[in-house]
Amino acid sequence: MKTALFALALFVHVLAQAQGADIFKGADLALGARLIADNKCAQCHASKVGGDGNTIYRPQGRINTAALLRGMVENCSTQLNLQLFPEEVTAIAAVLNRDHYKFK
């Protein structure tokens, strides 16, 4: 079981590396920015890390691919029960990539 989980995790990691920022192609950046504001993402992040919340974005940290960034946004949506559609998650992640991460 552990071997199968490790193999799956490795596969997902390799797939994530291969996709790059192409997963954001065609994303609605205006929608993403609006959703970030409407869902008060900056205020939530500020409550977790202080200041204006921007220190939560650490491109050299554990979020080191575009796919992992999108996955983290999906995780926030799930944890906070935001019930975002997949294209909304992608739009938010695309804005974060544009403004903070800059994955190619």
N, C-alpha and C. Protein backbone atom coordinates (compact mmCIF):
# COMPACT_ATOMS: atom_id res chain seq x y z
N MET A 1 0.82 -1.19 0.00
CA MET A 1 0.00 0.00 0.00
C MET A 1 0.87 1.26 0.00
N LYS A 2 1.92 1.28 0.86
CA LYS A 2 2.79 2.45 0.92
C LYS A 2 3.51 2.66 -0.40
N THR A 3 3.91 1.56 -1.05
CA THR A 3 4.59 1.66 -2.34
C THR A 3 3.67 2.25 -3.38
N ALA A 4 2.42 1.83 -3.39
CA ALA A 4 1.45 2.35 -4.35
C ALA A 4 1.20 3.83 -4.13
N LEU A 5 1.09 4.24 -2.87
CA LEU A 5 0.89 5.66 -2.57
C LEU A 5 2.10 6.49 -2.97
N PHE A 6 3.28 5.96 -2.71
CA PHE A 6 4.51 6.66 -3.11
C PHE A 6 4.56 6.81 -4.63
N ALA A 7 4.24 5.74 -5.35
CA ALA A 7 4.25 5.77 -6.81
C ALA A 7 3.24 6.79 -7.33
N LEU A 8 2.06 6.84 -6.72
CA LEU A 8 1.05 7.81 -7.13
C LEU A 8 1.52 9.22 -6.87
N ALA A 9 2.10 9.46 -5.71
CA ALA A 9 2.61 10.79 -5.38
C ALA A 9 3.71 11.21 -6.34
N LEU A 10 4.59 10.30 -6.67
CA LEU A 10 5.65 10.59 -7.63
C LEU A 10 5.08 10.91 -9.00
N PHE A 11 4.10 10.14 -9.44
CA PHE A 11 3.46 10.38 -10.73
C PHE A 11 2.82 11.76 -10.77
N VAL A 12 2.09 12.11 -9.71
CA VAL A 12 1.44 13.41 -9.66
C VAL A 12 2.48 14.52 -9.69
N HIS A 13 3.57 14.33 -8.96
CA HIS A 13 4.63 15.34 -8.95
C HIS A 13 5.24 15.52 -10.34
N VAL A 14 5.54 14.44 -11.01
CA VAL A 14 6.11 14.51 -12.36
C VAL A 14 5.12 15.16 -13.32
N LEU A 15 3.86 14.80 -13.22
CA LEU A 15 2.82 15.39 -14.07
C LEU A 15 2.73 16.89 -13.81
N ALA A 16 2.78 17.28 -12.56
CA ALA A 16 2.70 18.69 -12.20
C ALA A 16 3.88 19.46 -12.79
N GLN A 17 5.07 18.88 -12.73
CA GLN A 17 6.25 19.53 -13.29
C GLN A 17 6.11 19.70 -14.80
N ALA A 18 5.52 18.72 -15.47
CA ALA A 18 5.40 18.75 -16.92
C ALA A 18 4.39 19.78 -17.40
N GLN A 19 3.37 20.03 -16.62
CA GLN A 19 2.31 20.94 -17.06
C GLN A 19 2.76 22.38 -17.09
N GLY A 20 3.51 22.83 -16.12
CA GLY A 20 3.92 24.22 -16.05
C GLY A 20 2.73 25.16 -15.96
N ALA A 21 2.98 26.41 -16.26
CA ALA A 21 1.94 27.42 -16.15
C ALA A 21 0.93 27.35 -17.28
N ASP A 22 1.08 26.39 -18.19
CA ASP A 22 0.09 26.21 -19.25
C ASP A 22 -1.30 25.92 -18.69
N ILE A 23 -1.36 25.42 -17.47
CA ILE A 23 -2.67 25.14 -16.87
C ILE A 23 -3.47 26.42 -16.64
N PHE A 24 -2.81 27.58 -16.69
CA PHE A 24 -3.49 28.85 -16.50
C PHE A 24 -3.89 29.50 -17.83
N LYS A 25 -3.53 28.87 -18.93
CA LYS A 25 -3.83 29.44 -20.24
C LYS A 25 -5.34 29.63 -20.38
N GLY A 26 -5.74 30.83 -20.75
CA GLY A 26 -7.14 31.14 -20.95
C GLY A 26 -7.91 31.45 -19.67
N ALA A 27 -7.21 31.47 -18.54
CA ALA A 27 -7.88 31.76 -17.27
C ALA A 27 -8.41 33.19 -17.27
N ASP A 28 -9.54 33.37 -16.65
CA ASP A 28 -10.18 34.69 -16.55
C ASP A 28 -9.56 35.43 -15.36
N LEU A 29 -8.57 36.27 -15.64
CA LEU A 29 -7.85 36.97 -14.59
C LEU A 29 -8.73 37.95 -13.84
N ALA A 30 -9.65 38.60 -14.54
CA ALA A 30 -10.56 39.53 -13.86
C ALA A 30 -11.45 38.78 -12.87
N LEU A 31 -11.93 37.61 -13.27
CA LEU A 31 -12.73 36.78 -12.37
C LEU A 31 -11.89 36.37 -11.16
N GLY A 32 -10.67 35.94 -11.39
CA GLY A 32 -9.80 35.54 -10.29
C GLY A 32 -9.57 36.66 -9.30
N ALA A 33 -9.28 37.84 -9.80
CA ALA A 33 -9.07 39.00 -8.92
C ALA A 33 -10.33 39.32 -8.13
N ARG A 34 -11.48 39.24 -8.78
CA ARG A 34 -12.76 39.51 -8.10
C ARG A 34 -13.02 38.47 -7.00
N LEU A 35 -12.76 37.20 -7.32
CA LEU A 35 -12.98 36.15 -6.33
C LEU A 35 -12.03 36.28 -5.13
N ILE A 36 -10.81 36.69 -5.38
CA ILE A 36 -9.86 36.92 -4.30
C ILE A 36 -10.39 38.01 -3.37
N ALA A 37 -10.91 39.08 -3.96
CA ALA A 37 -11.48 40.18 -3.16
C ALA A 37 -12.76 39.75 -2.46
N ASP A 38 -13.67 39.13 -3.20
CA ASP A 38 -14.97 38.74 -2.64
C ASP A 38 -14.84 37.74 -1.49
N ASN A 39 -13.87 36.83 -1.59
CA ASN A 39 -13.70 35.81 -0.57
C ASN A 39 -12.72 36.22 0.53
N LYS A 40 -12.27 37.47 0.44
CA LYS A 40 -11.40 38.05 1.46
C LYS A 40 -10.14 37.20 1.73
N CYS A 41 -9.53 36.75 0.66
CA CYS A 41 -8.34 35.91 0.76
C CYS A 41 -7.21 36.64 1.48
N ALA A 42 -6.99 37.91 1.14
CA ALA A 42 -5.88 38.66 1.75
C ALA A 42 -6.09 38.81 3.25
N GLN A 43 -7.33 39.05 3.67
CA GLN A 43 -7.60 39.19 5.09
C GLN A 43 -7.36 37.87 5.84
N CYS A 44 -7.75 36.76 5.23
CA CYS A 44 -7.53 35.45 5.84
C CYS A 44 -6.03 35.18 5.96
N HIS A 45 -5.29 35.45 4.89
CA HIS A 45 -3.85 35.23 4.92
C HIS A 45 -3.18 36.14 5.94
N ALA A 46 -3.64 37.40 6.03
CA ALA A 46 -3.08 38.34 7.01
C ALA A 46 -3.30 37.83 8.42
N SER A 47 -4.46 37.22 8.67
CA SER A 47 -4.72 36.69 10.02
C SER A 47 -3.79 35.52 10.34
N LYS A 48 -3.30 34.86 9.31
CA LYS A 48 -2.41 33.70 9.52
C LYS A 48 -0.94 34.10 9.64
N VAL A 49 -0.51 35.11 8.86
CA VAL A 49 0.92 35.45 8.82
C VAL A 49 1.22 36.89 9.23
N GLY A 50 0.18 37.70 9.45
CA GLY A 50 0.38 39.08 9.84
C GLY A 50 0.60 39.99 8.65
N GLY A 51 0.78 41.25 8.94
CA GLY A 51 1.00 42.26 7.89
C GLY A 51 -0.15 42.29 6.91
N ASP A 52 0.18 42.43 5.62
CA ASP A 52 -0.86 42.46 4.59
C ASP A 52 -1.17 41.08 4.05
N GLY A 53 -0.54 40.06 4.59
CA GLY A 53 -0.80 38.68 4.18
C GLY A 53 0.05 38.19 3.03
N ASN A 54 0.79 39.07 2.39
CA ASN A 54 1.58 38.68 1.22
C ASN A 54 2.75 37.78 1.54
N THR A 55 3.20 37.74 2.79
CA THR A 55 4.33 36.87 3.11
C THR A 55 3.96 35.39 3.04
N ILE A 56 2.66 35.11 2.92
CA ILE A 56 2.25 33.71 2.75
C ILE A 56 2.69 33.16 1.39
N TYR A 57 2.94 34.08 0.44
CA TYR A 57 3.36 33.66 -0.90
C TYR A 57 4.88 33.56 -0.92
N ARG A 58 5.37 32.36 -0.92
CA ARG A 58 6.81 32.13 -0.92
C ARG A 58 7.16 31.23 -2.09
N PRO A 59 7.47 31.81 -3.25
CA PRO A 59 7.78 30.98 -4.41
C PRO A 59 8.87 29.94 -4.18
N GLN A 60 9.79 30.18 -3.27
CA GLN A 60 10.83 29.19 -3.01
C GLN A 60 10.37 28.14 -2.00
N GLY A 61 9.19 28.26 -1.49
CA GLY A 61 8.69 27.34 -0.48
C GLY A 61 8.14 26.07 -1.09
N ARG A 62 7.17 25.48 -0.42
CA ARG A 62 6.65 24.19 -0.85
C ARG A 62 5.79 24.28 -2.10
N ILE A 63 5.32 25.46 -2.44
CA ILE A 63 4.56 25.64 -3.69
C ILE A 63 5.60 26.00 -4.76
N ASN A 64 6.04 24.98 -5.50
CA ASN A 64 7.12 25.23 -6.47
C ASN A 64 6.75 24.83 -7.90
N THR A 65 5.48 24.59 -8.14
CA THR A 65 5.00 24.38 -9.52
C THR A 65 3.63 25.02 -9.65
N ALA A 66 3.26 25.28 -10.88
CA ALA A 66 1.94 25.85 -11.16
C ALA A 66 0.82 24.92 -10.68
N ALA A 67 1.01 23.63 -10.88
CA ALA A 67 -0.02 22.67 -10.47
C ALA A 67 -0.18 22.64 -8.95
N LEU A 68 0.92 22.74 -8.22
CA LEU A 68 0.83 22.77 -6.76
C LEU A 68 0.15 24.05 -6.28
N LEU A 69 0.39 25.15 -6.97
CA LEU A 69 -0.29 26.40 -6.65
C LEU A 69 -1.80 26.25 -6.83
N ARG A 70 -2.20 25.68 -7.96
CA ARG A 70 -3.63 25.47 -8.21
C ARG A 70 -4.21 24.53 -7.16
N GLY A 71 -3.45 23.52 -6.81
CA GLY A 71 -3.89 22.58 -5.78
C GLY A 71 -4.07 23.24 -4.42
N MET A 72 -3.21 24.19 -4.09
CA MET A 72 -3.35 24.90 -2.82
C MET A 72 -4.60 25.76 -2.81
N VAL A 73 -4.91 26.39 -3.95
CA VAL A 73 -6.14 27.17 -4.03
C VAL A 73 -7.35 26.25 -3.88
N GLU A 74 -7.29 25.09 -4.52
CA GLU A 74 -8.36 24.10 -4.38
C GLU A 74 -8.50 23.69 -2.92
N ASN A 75 -7.39 23.50 -2.24
CA ASN A 75 -7.41 23.14 -0.82
C ASN A 75 -8.08 24.24 0.02
N CYS A 76 -7.75 25.49 -0.25
CA CYS A 76 -8.40 26.60 0.47
C CYS A 76 -9.90 26.57 0.22
N SER A 77 -10.29 26.37 -1.02
CA SER A 77 -11.71 26.32 -1.35
C SER A 77 -12.41 25.22 -0.58
N THR A 78 -11.78 24.06 -0.51
CA THR A 78 -12.37 22.92 0.20
C THR A 78 -12.43 23.18 1.70
N GLN A 79 -11.31 23.62 2.28
CA GLN A 79 -11.24 23.85 3.72
C GLN A 79 -12.22 24.91 4.19
N LEU A 80 -12.43 25.94 3.36
CA LEU A 80 -13.31 27.04 3.73
C LEU A 80 -14.72 26.87 3.18
N ASN A 81 -14.97 25.74 2.52
CA ASN A 81 -16.28 25.44 1.94
C ASN A 81 -16.76 26.56 1.01
N LEU A 82 -15.85 27.04 0.16
CA LEU A 82 -16.19 28.11 -0.77
C LEU A 82 -16.99 27.61 -1.97
N GLN A 83 -16.91 26.32 -2.24
CA GLN A 83 -17.64 25.70 -3.34
C GLN A 83 -17.34 26.37 -4.68
N LEU A 84 -16.05 26.60 -4.93
CA LEU A 84 -15.62 27.20 -6.19
C LEU A 84 -15.66 26.16 -7.31
N PHE A 85 -16.02 26.61 -8.49
CA PHE A 85 -15.96 25.77 -9.68
C PHE A 85 -14.50 25.64 -10.11
N PRO A 86 -14.16 24.57 -10.85
CA PRO A 86 -12.76 24.39 -11.28
C PRO A 86 -12.19 25.59 -12.03
N GLU A 87 -12.99 26.22 -12.89
CA GLU A 87 -12.48 27.38 -13.63
C GLU A 87 -12.25 28.57 -12.71
N GLU A 88 -12.97 28.65 -11.60
CA GLU A 88 -12.75 29.72 -10.64
C GLU A 88 -11.46 29.48 -9.86
N VAL A 89 -11.21 28.24 -9.49
CA VAL A 89 -9.95 27.88 -8.82
C VAL A 89 -8.78 28.22 -9.73
N THR A 90 -8.90 27.86 -11.00
CA THR A 90 -7.83 28.15 -11.96
C THR A 90 -7.64 29.65 -12.12
N ALA A 91 -8.72 30.41 -12.15
CA ALA A 91 -8.63 31.86 -12.29
C ALA A 91 -7.90 32.48 -11.10
N ILE A 92 -8.23 32.05 -9.91
CA ILE A 92 -7.56 32.57 -8.71
C ILE A 92 -6.08 32.20 -8.74
N ALA A 93 -5.78 30.95 -9.04
CA ALA A 93 -4.38 30.52 -9.10
C ALA A 93 -3.61 31.28 -10.18
N ALA A 94 -4.25 31.57 -11.29
CA ALA A 94 -3.60 32.32 -12.37
C ALA A 94 -3.23 33.73 -11.91
N VAL A 95 -4.11 34.36 -11.15
CA VAL A 95 -3.82 35.70 -10.62
C VAL A 95 -2.66 35.62 -9.63
N LEU A 96 -2.68 34.63 -8.76
CA LEU A 96 -1.58 34.47 -7.80
C LEU A 96 -0.26 34.20 -8.52
N ASN A 97 -0.33 33.42 -9.59
CA ASN A 97 0.87 33.16 -10.38
C ASN A 97 1.38 34.44 -11.02
N ARG A 98 0.47 35.21 -11.59
CA ARG A 98 0.85 36.47 -12.23
C ARG A 98 1.48 37.44 -11.23
N ASP A 99 0.89 37.53 -10.04
CA ASP A 99 1.29 38.56 -9.09
C ASP A 99 2.42 38.13 -8.14
N HIS A 100 2.56 36.82 -7.90
CA HIS A 100 3.51 36.39 -6.87
C HIS A 100 4.49 35.32 -7.33
N TYR A 101 4.00 34.27 -7.98
CA TYR A 101 4.83 33.08 -8.23
C TYR A 101 5.60 33.14 -9.55
N LYS A 102 4.93 33.57 -10.59
CA LYS A 102 5.57 33.75 -11.91
C LYS A 102 6.14 32.46 -12.50
N PHE A 103 5.39 31.34 -12.33
CA PHE A 103 5.81 30.10 -12.97
C PHE A 103 5.67 30.23 -14.47
N LYS A 104 6.58 29.62 -15.20
CA LYS A 104 6.57 29.67 -16.67
C LYS A 104 5.89 28.46 -17.24
